[in-house]
Amino acid sequence: MSNNNIIKGVFLVALGATSYGMLATFVKLAYQENFTTAEVTSSQFILGIIGILIINLFQRTKNKNTAIKASPKNIFHLMLAGTSLGMTSVFYYLAVKYIPVSIGIVLLMQTVWMGVLLEWFLDKKLPSTQKIVSVIIVLFGTFLATKLYEFNIKLDWRGIFWGILAAASFTTTMFTANK
């Protein structure tokens, strides 16, 4: 892998984390205005569908209505990736209802080690030393970022529960997207 690709990868991961952090802030503001998780999630999906329809319209005019047919396997993978991404949003929004946004994003990024475990389980191949070191760094960073070393920290267990479910769901999304 070239240095250019590594830098691009780091940038995209940082951009994704930043996006989830900003999104959670908007969700917190929506909760303060008495919107529900269902309303927030529904509005996000409606705006997403409108955006995809607009992109699709431009693509169809550019490509003169030619489309590639999806196989049943492709459709299944798209449904699995889309459903898990949708559930990630729901779980994440529920998490930030009970815990600070900063803790919610740290929990969501547990996808790193969950992905390594999932890959190990499904592919039946031991993770590389580089992946193991990455997992240790993520877990140590989580320990520091969440201040687990301070025993007087009080977090709502519901937020932790929903945050871990969001990470597990996001792991499924990332795994299916990579396959």
Protein backbone atom coordinates (compact mmCIF):
# COMPACT_ATOMS: atom_id res chain seq x y z
CA MET A 1 0.00 0.00 0.00
CA SER A 2 1.47 3.36 -0.98
CA ASN A 3 1.87 6.28 1.42
CA ASN A 4 -0.67 8.20 -0.63
CA ASN A 5 -3.32 5.51 -0.03
CA ILE A 6 -2.50 5.37 3.68
CA ILE A 7 -2.85 9.14 4.01
CA LYS A 8 -6.11 9.01 2.05
CA GLY A 9 -7.38 6.20 4.31
CA VAL A 10 -6.50 8.09 7.49
CA PHE A 11 -8.18 11.21 6.12
CA LEU A 12 -11.37 9.32 5.21
CA VAL A 13 -11.58 7.60 8.61
CA ALA A 14 -11.11 10.96 10.34
CA LEU A 15 -13.75 12.52 8.08
CA GLY A 16 -16.17 9.69 8.89
CA ALA A 17 -15.60 10.02 12.63
CA THR A 18 -16.02 13.79 12.41
CA SER A 19 -19.25 13.35 10.46
CA TYR A 20 -20.68 11.01 13.09
CA GLY A 21 -19.61 13.43 15.81
CA MET A 22 -21.30 16.39 14.11
CA LEU A 23 -24.37 14.31 13.35
CA ALA A 24 -24.71 13.33 17.01
CA THR A 25 -24.56 16.99 18.00
CA PHE A 26 -27.50 17.72 15.69
CA VAL A 27 -29.34 14.74 17.15
CA LYS A 28 -28.77 16.06 20.69
CA LEU A 29 -30.17 19.43 19.56
CA ALA A 30 -33.18 17.68 18.03
CA TYR A 31 -33.78 15.85 21.32
CA GLN A 32 -33.71 19.21 23.13
CA GLU A 33 -36.46 20.36 20.76
CA ASN A 34 -38.48 17.25 21.76
CA PHE A 35 -38.02 15.30 18.53
CA THR A 36 -37.98 11.53 18.91
CA THR A 37 -35.39 9.07 17.69
CA ALA A 38 -37.87 7.84 15.06
CA GLU A 39 -38.45 11.37 13.75
CA VAL A 40 -34.74 12.15 13.58
CA THR A 41 -33.92 8.87 11.85
CA SER A 42 -36.84 9.13 9.43
CA SER A 43 -35.88 12.65 8.38
CA GLN A 44 -32.29 11.53 7.79
CA PHE A 45 -33.44 8.63 5.59
CA ILE A 46 -35.89 10.78 3.65
CA LEU A 47 -33.16 13.34 2.92
CA GLY A 48 -30.80 10.49 1.98
CA ILE A 49 -33.33 8.97 -0.43
CA ILE A 50 -33.93 12.35 -2.06
CA GLY A 51 -30.16 12.80 -2.45
CA ILE A 52 -29.77 9.33 -4.00
CA LEU A 53 -32.67 9.96 -6.39
CA ILE A 54 -31.07 13.22 -7.55
CA ILE A 55 -27.69 11.50 -8.05
CA ASN A 56 -29.45 8.66 -9.89
CA LEU A 57 -31.23 11.13 -12.16
CA PHE A 58 -27.91 12.76 -13.13
CA GLN A 59 -26.27 9.36 -13.65
CA ARG A 60 -29.10 8.14 -15.89
CA THR A 61 -28.96 11.22 -18.09
CA LYS A 62 -25.18 10.99 -18.29
CA ASN A 63 -25.16 7.24 -19.06
CA LYS A 64 -28.24 7.34 -21.33
CA ASN A 65 -30.44 5.07 -19.12
CA THR A 66 -28.05 2.12 -19.15
CA ALA A 67 -28.08 0.19 -15.90
CA ILE A 68 -26.36 -2.97 -14.74
CA LYS A 69 -28.69 -5.66 -13.41
CA ALA A 70 -27.98 -6.75 -9.85
CA SER A 71 -27.78 -10.45 -9.04
CA PRO A 72 -29.76 -11.88 -6.10
CA LYS A 73 -26.47 -12.15 -4.18
CA ASN A 74 -25.75 -8.45 -4.83
CA ILE A 75 -29.25 -7.53 -3.70
CA PHE A 76 -28.84 -9.55 -0.48
CA HIS A 77 -25.49 -7.90 0.28
CA LEU A 78 -26.94 -4.44 -0.39
CA MET A 79 -29.90 -5.17 1.87
CA LEU A 80 -27.62 -6.44 4.65
CA ALA A 81 -25.29 -3.44 4.36
CA GLY A 82 -28.17 -0.96 4.16
CA THR A 83 -30.12 -2.47 7.02
CA SER A 84 -27.08 -2.64 9.28
CA LEU A 85 -26.19 0.97 8.41
CA GLY A 86 -29.75 2.04 9.22
CA MET A 87 -29.65 0.19 12.52
CA THR A 88 -26.29 1.81 13.27
CA SER A 89 -27.97 5.21 13.05
CA VAL A 90 -30.87 4.17 15.27
CA PHE A 91 -28.60 2.59 17.91
CA TYR A 92 -26.18 5.51 17.80
CA TYR A 93 -28.96 8.07 18.19
CA LEU A 94 -30.34 6.13 21.14
CA ALA A 95 -26.86 6.01 22.69
CA VAL A 96 -26.32 9.77 22.52
CA LYS A 97 -29.68 10.23 24.19
CA TYR A 98 -28.12 8.83 27.39
CA ILE A 99 -24.40 9.54 27.12
CA PRO A 100 -22.23 12.44 25.86
CA VAL A 101 -21.53 12.59 22.12
CA SER A 102 -17.80 12.18 22.76
CA ILE A 103 -18.37 8.84 24.51
CA GLY A 104 -20.85 7.76 21.82
CA ILE A 105 -18.32 8.26 19.03
CA VAL A 106 -15.64 6.42 21.00
CA LEU A 107 -18.03 3.50 21.44
CA LEU A 108 -18.92 3.56 17.74
CA MET A 109 -15.24 3.34 16.81
CA GLN A 110 -15.01 0.00 18.65
CA THR A 111 -15.82 -1.27 15.18
CA VAL A 112 -12.06 -1.61 14.69
CA TRP A 113 -11.57 -4.51 17.11
CA MET A 114 -15.02 -5.95 16.45
CA GLY A 115 -14.18 -6.11 12.75
CA VAL A 116 -10.92 -7.94 13.48
CA LEU A 117 -12.80 -10.47 15.63
CA LEU A 118 -15.53 -10.90 13.00
CA GLU A 119 -12.97 -11.39 10.25
CA TRP A 120 -11.10 -13.92 12.40
CA PHE A 121 -14.32 -15.80 13.15
CA LEU A 122 -15.74 -15.82 9.61
CA ASP A 123 -12.52 -16.21 7.61
CA LYS A 124 -10.93 -18.56 10.18
CA LYS A 125 -7.61 -16.80 9.73
CA LEU A 126 -5.56 -15.32 12.57
CA PRO A 127 -5.26 -11.53 12.43
CA SER A 128 -1.91 -10.08 11.41
CA THR A 129 0.43 -8.53 13.95
CA GLN A 130 -0.39 -5.11 12.49
CA LYS A 131 -4.11 -5.65 13.14
CA ILE A 132 -3.47 -6.85 16.69
CA VAL A 133 -1.30 -3.80 17.41
CA SER A 134 -4.06 -1.58 15.92
CA VAL A 135 -6.65 -3.18 18.21
CA ILE A 136 -4.42 -2.65 21.26
CA ILE A 137 -3.97 1.02 20.31
CA VAL A 138 -7.74 1.46 19.84
CA LEU A 139 -8.51 -0.19 23.18
CA PHE A 140 -5.86 1.90 24.96
CA GLY A 141 -7.22 5.04 23.30
CA THR A 142 -10.72 4.07 24.39
CA PHE A 143 -9.45 3.59 27.96
CA LEU A 144 -7.95 7.09 27.91
CA ALA A 145 -10.77 8.84 26.02
CA THR A 146 -13.51 7.47 28.25
CA LYS A 147 -11.47 8.06 31.42
CA LEU A 148 -12.10 4.51 32.60
CA TYR A 149 -9.15 4.96 34.95
CA GLU A 150 -11.31 7.38 36.98
CA PHE A 151 -13.53 5.12 39.03
CA ASN A 152 -16.01 7.88 39.86
CA ILE A 153 -17.20 8.26 36.24
CA LYS A 154 -20.94 7.80 35.90
CA LEU A 155 -22.34 6.77 32.54
CA ASP A 156 -25.87 5.59 31.89
CA TRP A 157 -25.76 1.86 31.11
CA ARG A 158 -28.44 2.34 28.43
CA GLY A 159 -26.11 4.63 26.49
CA ILE A 160 -23.26 2.11 26.74
CA PHE A 161 -25.59 -0.69 25.63
CA TRP A 162 -26.88 1.24 22.59
CA GLY A 163 -23.35 2.44 21.78
CA ILE A 164 -21.98 -1.12 21.72
CA LEU A 165 -24.94 -2.22 19.56
CA ALA A 166 -24.20 0.68 17.19
CA ALA A 167 -20.59 -0.48 16.94
CA ALA A 168 -21.64 -4.08 16.29
CA SER A 169 -24.07 -2.93 13.61
CA PHE A 170 -21.46 -0.66 12.04
CA THR A 171 -19.05 -3.61 12.04
CA THR A 172 -21.57 -5.54 9.94
CA THR A 173 -21.88 -2.57 7.59
CA MET A 174 -18.12 -2.27 7.16
CA PHE A 175 -17.67 -6.02 6.72
CA THR A 176 -20.38 -6.31 4.06
CA ALA A 177 -19.12 -3.20 2.28
CA ASN A 178 -15.61 -4.69 2.12
CA LYS A 179 -16.86 -8.01 0.79
